[in-house]
């Protein structure tokens, strides 16, 4: 490791409001993904429509994608103009 990377003063994860908000969105979206997967598996009616295994999987995968992107943003985004 070079001297410049060993002594860099980068911002760690979850130190800014943006990173904390992105982590909250990731957690909430992960819970929504679990709800979609579970209701699709159980064939339960959710918000007026019956969830099948296919529609539950599609909604769950989309919510899991949003959760993954938000978590990556929370971990790796650099601070903006405020720093």
C-alpha atoms as a PDB file:
ATOM      1  CA  UNK A   1       0.000   0.000   0.000  1.00  0.00           C
ATOM      2  CA  UNK A   2       1.374   3.388  -0.905  1.00  0.00           C
ATOM      3  CA  UNK A   3       1.757   6.216   1.547  1.00  0.00           C
ATOM      4  CA  UNK A   4      -0.977   8.320  -0.055  1.00  0.00           C
ATOM      5  CA  UNK A   5      -3.616   5.602   0.228  1.00  0.00           C
ATOM      6  CA  UNK A   6      -2.582   4.582   3.716  1.00  0.00           C
ATOM      7  CA  UNK A   7      -3.003   8.107   5.063  1.00  0.00           C
ATOM      8  CA  UNK A   8      -6.044   9.224   3.082  1.00  0.00           C
ATOM      9  CA  UNK A   9      -8.690  10.980   5.105  1.00  0.00           C
ATOM     10  CA  UNK A  10     -11.712   9.499   3.380  1.00  0.00           C
ATOM     11  CA  UNK A  11     -15.162   9.525   4.853  1.00  0.00           C
ATOM     12  CA  UNK A  12     -16.185   6.246   6.427  1.00  0.00           C
ATOM     13  CA  UNK A  13     -19.550   4.588   5.926  1.00  0.00           C
ATOM     14  CA  UNK A  14     -22.656   6.133   7.518  1.00  0.00           C
ATOM     15  CA  UNK A  15     -21.025   9.412   8.538  1.00  0.00           C
ATOM     16  CA  UNK A  16     -23.143  11.773   6.432  1.00  0.00           C
ATOM     17  CA  UNK A  17     -26.909  12.276   6.349  1.00  0.00           C
ATOM     18  CA  UNK A  18     -27.019  10.977   2.785  1.00  0.00           C
ATOM     19  CA  UNK A  19     -25.300   7.721   3.714  1.00  0.00           C
ATOM     20  CA  UNK A  20     -27.586   7.238   6.706  1.00  0.00           C
ATOM     21  CA  UNK A  21     -30.657   7.917   4.554  1.00  0.00           C
ATOM     22  CA  UNK A  22     -29.459   5.516   1.886  1.00  0.00           C
ATOM     23  CA  UNK A  23     -28.919   2.825   4.531  1.00  0.00           C
ATOM     24  CA  UNK A  24     -32.463   3.393   5.802  1.00  0.00           C
ATOM     25  CA  UNK A  25     -33.847   3.090   2.263  1.00  0.00           C
ATOM     26  CA  UNK A  26     -31.851  -0.112   1.798  1.00  0.00           C
ATOM     27  CA  UNK A  27     -33.222  -1.639   5.004  1.00  0.00           C
ATOM     28  CA  UNK A  28     -36.797  -0.628   4.209  1.00  0.00           C
ATOM     29  CA  UNK A  29     -36.533  -1.941   0.657  1.00  0.00           C
ATOM     30  CA  UNK A  30     -35.104  -5.235   1.903  1.00  0.00           C
ATOM     31  CA  UNK A  31     -38.129  -5.625   4.188  1.00  0.00           C
ATOM     32  CA  UNK A  32     -40.472  -4.849   1.282  1.00  0.00           C
ATOM     33  CA  UNK A  33     -38.663  -7.477  -0.803  1.00  0.00           C
ATOM     34  CA  UNK A  34     -39.215 -10.061   1.929  1.00  0.00           C
ATOM     35  CA  UNK A  35     -42.915  -9.146   2.089  1.00  0.00           C
ATOM     36  CA  UNK A  36     -43.247  -9.521  -1.676  1.00  0.00           C
ATOM     37  CA  UNK A  37     -41.471 -12.880  -1.691  1.00  0.00           C
ATOM     38  CA  UNK A  38     -43.527 -14.185   1.250  1.00  0.00           C
ATOM     39  CA  UNK A  39     -46.914 -13.027  -0.044  1.00  0.00           C
ATOM     40  CA  UNK A  40     -46.113 -14.413  -3.500  1.00  0.00           C
ATOM     41  CA  UNK A  41     -45.157 -17.753  -1.995  1.00  0.00           C
ATOM     42  CA  UNK A  42     -48.320 -17.896   0.126  1.00  0.00           C
ATOM     43  CA  UNK A  43     -50.633 -16.621  -2.680  1.00  0.00           C
ATOM     44  CA  UNK A  44     -51.961 -13.945  -0.347  1.00  0.00           C
ATOM     45  CA  UNK A  45     -54.007 -10.953  -1.466  1.00  0.00           C
ATOM     46  CA  UNK A  46     -51.933  -7.774  -1.132  1.00  0.00           C
ATOM     47  CA  UNK A  47     -53.459  -4.319  -1.743  1.00  0.00           C
ATOM     48  CA  UNK A  48     -56.441  -5.680  -3.627  1.00  0.00           C
ATOM     49  CA  UNK A  49     -54.579  -8.010  -5.980  1.00  0.00           C
ATOM     50  CA  UNK A  50     -53.760 -11.653  -5.454  1.00  0.00           C
ATOM     51  CA  UNK A  51     -50.034 -12.285  -5.429  1.00  0.00           C
ATOM     52  CA  UNK A  52     -48.890 -15.316  -7.382  1.00  0.00           C
ATOM     53  CA  UNK A  53     -45.443 -16.831  -7.124  1.00  0.00           C
ATOM     54  CA  UNK A  54     -44.392 -15.107 -10.353  1.00  0.00           C
ATOM     55  CA  UNK A  55     -45.622 -11.628  -9.417  1.00  0.00           C
ATOM     56  CA  UNK A  56     -44.235 -11.957  -5.891  1.00  0.00           C
ATOM     57  CA  UNK A  57     -40.850 -12.958  -7.263  1.00  0.00           C
ATOM     58  CA  UNK A  58     -40.819 -10.080  -9.733  1.00  0.00           C
ATOM     59  CA  UNK A  59     -41.714  -7.517  -7.078  1.00  0.00           C
ATOM     60  CA  UNK A  60     -39.276  -9.034  -4.612  1.00  0.00           C
ATOM     61  CA  UNK A  61     -36.401  -8.998  -7.078  1.00  0.00           C
ATOM     62  CA  UNK A  62     -37.076  -5.365  -7.967  1.00  0.00           C
ATOM     63  CA  UNK A  63     -37.171  -4.360  -4.294  1.00  0.00           C
ATOM     64  CA  UNK A  64     -33.997  -6.373  -3.649  1.00  0.00           C
ATOM     65  CA  UNK A  65     -32.298  -4.517  -6.531  1.00  0.00           C
ATOM     66  CA  UNK A  66     -33.282  -1.175  -5.007  1.00  0.00           C
ATOM     67  CA  UNK A  67     -31.998  -2.356  -1.616  1.00  0.00           C
ATOM     68  CA  UNK A  68     -28.667  -3.453  -3.100  1.00  0.00           C
ATOM     69  CA  UNK A  69     -28.138  -0.190  -4.989  1.00  0.00           C
ATOM     70  CA  UNK A  70     -29.044   1.885  -1.923  1.00  0.00           C
ATOM     71  CA  UNK A  71     -26.662  -0.135   0.257  1.00  0.00           C
ATOM     72  CA  UNK A  72     -23.806   0.333  -2.220  1.00  0.00           C
ATOM     73  CA  UNK A  73     -24.580   4.050  -2.280  1.00  0.00           C
ATOM     74  CA  UNK A  74     -24.548   4.151   1.515  1.00  0.00           C
ATOM     75  CA  UNK A  75     -21.185   2.433   1.709  1.00  0.00           C
ATOM     76  CA  UNK A  76     -19.246   3.961  -1.174  1.00  0.00           C
ATOM     77  CA  UNK A  77     -20.653   7.405  -2.038  1.00  0.00           C
ATOM     78  CA  UNK A  78     -18.289  10.315  -1.512  1.00  0.00           C
ATOM     79  CA  UNK A  79     -19.611  13.435   0.181  1.00  0.00           C
ATOM     80  CA  UNK A  80     -20.768  16.170  -2.155  1.00  0.00           C
ATOM     81  CA  UNK A  81     -20.120  19.902  -2.161  1.00  0.00           C
ATOM     82  CA  UNK A  82     -20.839  20.292   1.558  1.00  0.00           C
ATOM     83  CA  UNK A  83     -17.428  18.819   2.532  1.00  0.00           C
END
